[in-house]
Amino acid sequence: MVLQLTKAEEQVMKILWSIEQGTVQDMLERFEPPKPARTTVATILSILENKGFVQHENGGKANIYSPLMKKKEYSKFQLSGVMKNYFDNSFASMASFFAKENNLSLEELDSLLEETREALRKEKIKK
């Protein structure tokens, strides 16, 4: 079972996913101002390690962190939860909701469907 990330944990994970591995300092450099304290980021990384999201290697002066869970895996878990909890596990209901909420035109819907078809074709070719 995948655990839910807090907003702060998710912020750190997004940075770590983008850099693939790094020290606390590497991550701090990528935060928008106001930047959190170094100890805050280190504490969040420790929590993420306990939850099984990251691991670290001793890099001499500083630990080097890397994600154990890929962004795609976590995104899939999150979207599945939203679909299950808010749309009765119906992708069609979820897609319809977002299309209506974003006031998509028929052309935009057609374009979205075509992009989805193309992505699925490419995924099949990879396998």
C-alpha atoms as a PDB file:
ATOM      1  CA  MET A   1       0.000   0.000   0.000  1.00  0.00           C
ATOM      2  CA  VAL A   2       1.232   3.476  -0.897  1.00  0.00           C
ATOM      3  CA  LEU A   3       1.027   6.122   1.764  1.00  0.00           C
ATOM      4  CA  GLN A   4      -0.302   9.600   1.208  1.00  0.00           C
ATOM      5  CA  LEU A   5       2.294  12.376   1.066  1.00  0.00           C
ATOM      6  CA  THR A   6       1.811  15.672   2.878  1.00  0.00           C
ATOM      7  CA  LYS A   7       2.190  18.850   0.802  1.00  0.00           C
ATOM      8  CA  ALA A   8       5.690  19.413   2.201  1.00  0.00           C
ATOM      9  CA  GLU A   9       6.699  15.817   1.441  1.00  0.00           C
ATOM     10  CA  GLU A  10       5.280  16.103  -2.047  1.00  0.00           C
ATOM     11  CA  GLN A  11       7.271  19.303  -2.650  1.00  0.00           C
ATOM     12  CA  VAL A  12      10.499  17.541  -1.695  1.00  0.00           C
ATOM     13  CA  MET A  13       9.609  14.477  -3.784  1.00  0.00           C
ATOM     14  CA  LYS A  14       8.869  16.612  -6.856  1.00  0.00           C
ATOM     15  CA  ILE A  15      12.313  18.167  -6.585  1.00  0.00           C
ATOM     16  CA  LEU A  16      13.966  14.802  -6.011  1.00  0.00           C
ATOM     17  CA  TRP A  17      12.107  13.276  -8.967  1.00  0.00           C
ATOM     18  CA  SER A  18      13.294  16.137 -11.163  1.00  0.00           C
ATOM     19  CA  ILE A  19      16.973  15.826 -10.176  1.00  0.00           C
ATOM     20  CA  GLU A  20      16.895  12.009  -9.705  1.00  0.00           C
ATOM     21  CA  GLN A  21      19.383  12.153  -6.845  1.00  0.00           C
ATOM     22  CA  GLY A  22      20.954  14.825  -4.708  1.00  0.00           C
ATOM     23  CA  THR A  23      21.916  16.237  -1.350  1.00  0.00           C
ATOM     24  CA  VAL A  24      19.808  18.429   0.896  1.00  0.00           C
ATOM     25  CA  GLN A  25      21.719  21.410  -0.524  1.00  0.00           C
ATOM     26  CA  ASP A  26      20.926  20.339  -4.114  1.00  0.00           C
ATOM     27  CA  MET A  27      17.246  20.297  -3.215  1.00  0.00           C
ATOM     28  CA  LEU A  28      17.343  23.578  -1.298  1.00  0.00           C
ATOM     29  CA  GLU A  29      18.714  25.314  -4.388  1.00  0.00           C
ATOM     30  CA  ARG A  30      15.597  24.341  -6.335  1.00  0.00           C
ATOM     31  CA  PHE A  31      13.019  25.667  -3.870  1.00  0.00           C
ATOM     32  CA  GLU A  32      11.294  28.940  -4.664  1.00  0.00           C
ATOM     33  CA  PRO A  33      11.728  31.717  -2.084  1.00  0.00           C
ATOM     34  CA  PRO A  34      11.082  31.702   0.758  1.00  0.00           C
ATOM     35  CA  LYS A  35      13.231  28.590   0.971  1.00  0.00           C
ATOM     36  CA  PRO A  36      12.704  26.206   3.876  1.00  0.00           C
ATOM     37  CA  ALA A  37      15.425  25.678   6.456  1.00  0.00           C
ATOM     38  CA  ARG A  38      18.021  23.023   5.733  1.00  0.00           C
ATOM     39  CA  THR A  39      16.910  21.104   8.851  1.00  0.00           C
ATOM     40  CA  THR A  40      13.308  21.127   7.628  1.00  0.00           C
ATOM     41  CA  VAL A  41      14.269  19.503   4.322  1.00  0.00           C
ATOM     42  CA  ALA A  42      16.505  16.995   6.126  1.00  0.00           C
ATOM     43  CA  THR A  43      13.651  16.087   8.488  1.00  0.00           C
ATOM     44  CA  ILE A  44      11.209  15.638   5.600  1.00  0.00           C
ATOM     45  CA  LEU A  45      13.727  13.413   3.811  1.00  0.00           C
ATOM     46  CA  SER A  46      14.071  11.316   6.955  1.00  0.00           C
ATOM     47  CA  ILE A  47      10.290  10.936   7.125  1.00  0.00           C
ATOM     48  CA  LEU A  48      10.174  10.020   3.420  1.00  0.00           C
ATOM     49  CA  GLU A  49      12.861   7.425   4.006  1.00  0.00           C
ATOM     50  CA  ASN A  50      10.849   5.912   6.870  1.00  0.00           C
ATOM     51  CA  LYS A  51       7.787   5.805   4.596  1.00  0.00           C
ATOM     52  CA  GLY A  52       9.797   3.994   1.914  1.00  0.00           C
ATOM     53  CA  PHE A  53       9.793   6.792  -0.675  1.00  0.00           C
ATOM     54  CA  VAL A  54      13.531   7.603  -0.653  1.00  0.00           C
ATOM     55  CA  GLN A  55      16.854   6.073   0.223  1.00  0.00           C
ATOM     56  CA  HIS A  56      20.221   7.612   0.922  1.00  0.00           C
ATOM     57  CA  GLU A  57      23.868   6.785   0.470  1.00  0.00           C
ATOM     58  CA  ASN A  58      26.627   8.306   2.523  1.00  0.00           C
ATOM     59  CA  GLY A  59      28.373  10.718   0.194  1.00  0.00           C
ATOM     60  CA  GLY A  60      31.151  11.774   2.545  1.00  0.00           C
ATOM     61  CA  LYS A  61      30.147  15.187   3.850  1.00  0.00           C
ATOM     62  CA  ALA A  62      26.492  14.856   2.883  1.00  0.00           C
ATOM     63  CA  ASN A  63      23.971  12.112   2.268  1.00  0.00           C
ATOM     64  CA  ILE A  64      22.877  11.605  -1.314  1.00  0.00           C
ATOM     65  CA  TYR A  65      19.160  10.913  -1.627  1.00  0.00           C
ATOM     66  CA  SER A  66      17.338   9.146  -4.439  1.00  0.00           C
ATOM     67  CA  PRO A  67      13.681   8.207  -4.879  1.00  0.00           C
ATOM     68  CA  LEU A  68      12.574   4.613  -4.379  1.00  0.00           C
ATOM     69  CA  MET A  69       9.170   5.307  -5.903  1.00  0.00           C
ATOM     70  CA  LYS A  70       8.899   6.724  -9.400  1.00  0.00           C
ATOM     71  CA  LYS A  71       6.766   9.780 -10.016  1.00  0.00           C
ATOM     72  CA  LYS A  72       4.630   7.808 -12.465  1.00  0.00           C
ATOM     73  CA  GLU A  73       3.860   5.160  -9.809  1.00  0.00           C
ATOM     74  CA  TYR A  74       2.809   7.770  -7.269  1.00  0.00           C
ATOM     75  CA  SER A  75       0.756   9.683  -9.854  1.00  0.00           C
ATOM     76  CA  LYS A  76      -1.035   6.468 -10.811  1.00  0.00           C
ATOM     77  CA  PHE A  77      -1.798   5.749  -7.149  1.00  0.00           C
ATOM     78  CA  GLN A  78      -3.108   9.284  -6.595  1.00  0.00           C
ATOM     79  CA  LEU A  79      -5.300   9.315  -9.705  1.00  0.00           C
ATOM     80  CA  SER A  80      -6.654   5.863  -8.950  1.00  0.00           C
ATOM     81  CA  GLY A  81      -7.633   7.070  -5.480  1.00  0.00           C
ATOM     82  CA  VAL A  82      -9.391  10.137  -6.862  1.00  0.00           C
ATOM     83  CA  MET A  83     -11.219   8.034  -9.428  1.00  0.00           C
ATOM     84  CA  LYS A  84     -12.259   5.473  -6.808  1.00  0.00           C
ATOM     85  CA  ASN A  85     -13.215   7.921  -4.051  1.00  0.00           C
ATOM     86  CA  TYR A  86     -14.933  10.628  -6.096  1.00  0.00           C
ATOM     87  CA  PHE A  87     -16.052   9.065  -9.384  1.00  0.00           C
ATOM     88  CA  ASP A  88     -17.225   5.554  -8.407  1.00  0.00           C
ATOM     89  CA  ASN A  89     -14.137   4.092 -10.070  1.00  0.00           C
ATOM     90  CA  SER A  90     -15.338   5.343 -13.467  1.00  0.00           C
ATOM     91  CA  PHE A  91     -12.726   6.891 -15.735  1.00  0.00           C
ATOM     92  CA  ALA A  92     -15.485   8.151 -18.029  1.00  0.00           C
ATOM     93  CA  SER A  93     -17.142  10.003 -15.132  1.00  0.00           C
ATOM     94  CA  MET A  94     -13.833  11.535 -14.098  1.00  0.00           C
ATOM     95  CA  ALA A  95     -12.932  12.595 -17.632  1.00  0.00           C
ATOM     96  CA  SER A  96     -16.403  14.032 -18.173  1.00  0.00           C
ATOM     97  CA  PHE A  97     -16.163  15.993 -14.927  1.00  0.00           C
ATOM     98  CA  PHE A  98     -12.817  17.543 -15.888  1.00  0.00           C
ATOM     99  CA  ALA A  99     -13.986  18.287 -19.419  1.00  0.00           C
ATOM    100  CA  LYS A 100     -17.042  20.126 -18.066  1.00  0.00           C
ATOM    101  CA  GLU A 101     -15.115  21.925 -15.312  1.00  0.00           C
ATOM    102  CA  ASN A 102     -12.540  23.158 -17.803  1.00  0.00           C
ATOM    103  CA  ASN A 103     -15.206  24.037 -20.370  1.00  0.00           C
ATOM    104  CA  LEU A 104     -13.440  22.104 -23.133  1.00  0.00           C
ATOM    105  CA  SER A 105     -14.664  22.641 -26.665  1.00  0.00           C
ATOM    106  CA  LEU A 106     -15.464  19.725 -28.985  1.00  0.00           C
ATOM    107  CA  GLU A 107     -12.227  20.430 -30.845  1.00  0.00           C
ATOM    108  CA  GLU A 108     -10.248  20.275 -27.606  1.00  0.00           C
ATOM    109  CA  LEU A 109     -11.947  16.993 -26.666  1.00  0.00           C
ATOM    110  CA  ASP A 110     -11.168  15.529 -30.101  1.00  0.00           C
ATOM    111  CA  SER A 111      -7.550  16.645 -29.749  1.00  0.00           C
ATOM    112  CA  LEU A 112      -7.337  15.110 -26.277  1.00  0.00           C
ATOM    113  CA  LEU A 113      -8.741  11.821 -27.556  1.00  0.00           C
ATOM    114  CA  GLU A 114      -6.285  11.776 -30.450  1.00  0.00           C
ATOM    115  CA  GLU A 115      -3.341  12.498 -28.125  1.00  0.00           C
ATOM    116  CA  THR A 116      -4.505   9.677 -25.850  1.00  0.00           C
ATOM    117  CA  ARG A 117      -4.826   7.257 -28.765  1.00  0.00           C
ATOM    118  CA  GLU A 118      -1.337   8.167 -29.970  1.00  0.00           C
ATOM    119  CA  ALA A 119       0.161   7.727 -26.492  1.00  0.00           C
ATOM    120  CA  LEU A 120      -1.516   4.317 -26.166  1.00  0.00           C
ATOM    121  CA  ARG A 121      -0.203   3.268 -29.603  1.00  0.00           C
ATOM    122  CA  LYS A 122       3.332   4.252 -28.614  1.00  0.00           C
ATOM    123  CA  GLU A 123       2.998   2.399 -25.304  1.00  0.00           C
ATOM    124  CA  LYS A 124       1.890  -0.776 -27.133  1.00  0.00           C
ATOM    125  CA  ILE A 125       4.853  -0.521 -29.500  1.00  0.00           C
ATOM    126  CA  LYS A 126       7.254  -0.276 -26.526  1.00  0.00           C
ATOM    127  CA  LYS A 127       5.873  -3.515 -25.086  1.00  0.00           C
END
